[in-house]
Amino acid sequence: MAVEVVPGVTADAEVAFGKPVIAGTRIPAAKVLSQLAGGMSADEIQAEYDLTPAQIQAALRYAAWLAEHEVIRAHAG
């Protein structure tokens, strides 16, 4: 059963080993983010993976959600 992580991104144990994907696809959100970080434009990613602008935004929303919830504990050394 798919669980919505953020709007437009879901996770399902039966799809992509439970990794978050763009809703309705098998495309990992991390793949979209990796392509953006690597310099591909949103238009290029849309064409390559047959995604909509809203689906690209969903991947960015997921990245923002991850950054907001990440806690890094620095150790004094």
Protein backbone atom coordinates (compact mmCIF):
# COMPACT_ATOMS: atom_id res chain seq x y z
CA MET A 1 0.00 0.00 0.00
CA ALA A 2 1.40 3.38 -1.01
CA VAL A 3 1.93 6.05 1.63
CA GLU A 4 2.13 9.71 0.68
CA VAL A 5 5.43 11.11 1.98
CA VAL A 6 4.69 14.62 0.72
CA PRO A 7 2.15 15.64 -1.91
CA GLY A 8 3.23 14.00 -5.16
CA VAL A 9 5.74 11.58 -3.64
CA THR A 10 4.78 8.16 -2.33
CA ALA A 11 6.49 5.14 -0.82
CA ASP A 12 5.31 1.55 -1.23
CA ALA A 13 7.18 -1.58 -0.16
CA GLU A 14 6.15 -3.15 -3.49
CA VAL A 15 7.62 -0.34 -5.63
CA ALA A 16 11.32 0.54 -5.86
CA PHE A 17 12.06 -1.39 -2.66
CA GLY A 18 10.03 1.14 -0.65
CA LYS A 19 12.09 4.13 -1.75
CA PRO A 20 10.08 7.35 -2.28
CA VAL A 21 8.97 7.71 -5.90
CA ILE A 22 7.10 10.29 -7.91
CA ALA A 23 3.44 9.39 -7.33
CA GLY A 24 2.01 7.20 -10.06
CA THR A 25 5.46 6.25 -11.41
CA ARG A 26 8.39 4.06 -10.48
CA ILE A 27 10.80 7.00 -10.77
CA PRO A 28 12.66 7.56 -7.50
CA ALA A 29 12.42 11.10 -6.19
CA ALA A 30 16.15 10.88 -5.46
CA LYS A 31 16.83 10.26 -9.16
CA VAL A 32 15.02 13.45 -10.13
CA LEU A 33 16.88 15.39 -7.43
CA SER A 34 20.19 13.89 -8.49
CA GLN A 35 19.60 14.93 -12.08
CA LEU A 36 18.75 18.48 -10.99
CA ALA A 37 21.83 18.63 -8.77
CA GLY A 38 23.92 17.33 -11.66
CA GLY A 39 22.91 20.24 -13.85
CA MET A 40 20.01 18.89 -15.89
CA SER A 41 17.24 21.41 -16.38
CA ALA A 42 13.70 20.67 -15.25
CA ASP A 43 12.68 20.66 -18.94
CA GLU A 44 15.33 18.05 -19.75
CA ILE A 45 14.22 15.84 -16.85
CA GLN A 46 10.59 16.18 -17.87
CA ALA A 47 11.44 15.04 -21.38
CA GLU A 48 13.77 12.24 -20.24
CA TYR A 49 11.36 10.71 -17.72
CA ASP A 50 8.01 11.88 -19.15
CA LEU A 51 7.23 13.95 -16.06
CA THR A 52 5.17 17.10 -15.58
CA PRO A 53 6.37 20.33 -13.98
CA ALA A 54 4.21 19.45 -10.95
CA GLN A 55 6.07 16.15 -10.57
CA ILE A 56 9.43 17.94 -10.62
CA GLN A 57 8.06 20.29 -7.94
CA ALA A 58 7.01 17.25 -5.90
CA ALA A 59 10.60 15.99 -5.90
CA LEU A 60 11.80 19.41 -4.73
CA ARG A 61 9.09 19.42 -2.04
CA TYR A 62 10.40 16.04 -0.88
CA ALA A 63 13.97 17.41 -0.70
CA ALA A 64 12.79 20.37 1.34
CA TRP A 65 10.89 18.04 3.67
CA LEU A 66 14.00 15.91 4.17
CA ALA A 67 16.17 18.94 4.89
CA GLU A 68 13.63 20.27 7.36
CA HIS A 69 13.51 16.99 9.27
CA GLU A 70 17.23 16.17 9.20
CA VAL A 71 19.11 16.47 12.46
CA ILE A 72 22.89 16.31 12.49
CA ARG A 73 24.55 16.07 15.81
CA ALA A 74 28.04 17.53 15.81
CA HIS A 75 30.49 16.15 18.31
CA ALA A 76 32.89 18.45 20.03
CA GLY A 77 36.37 17.29 19.32
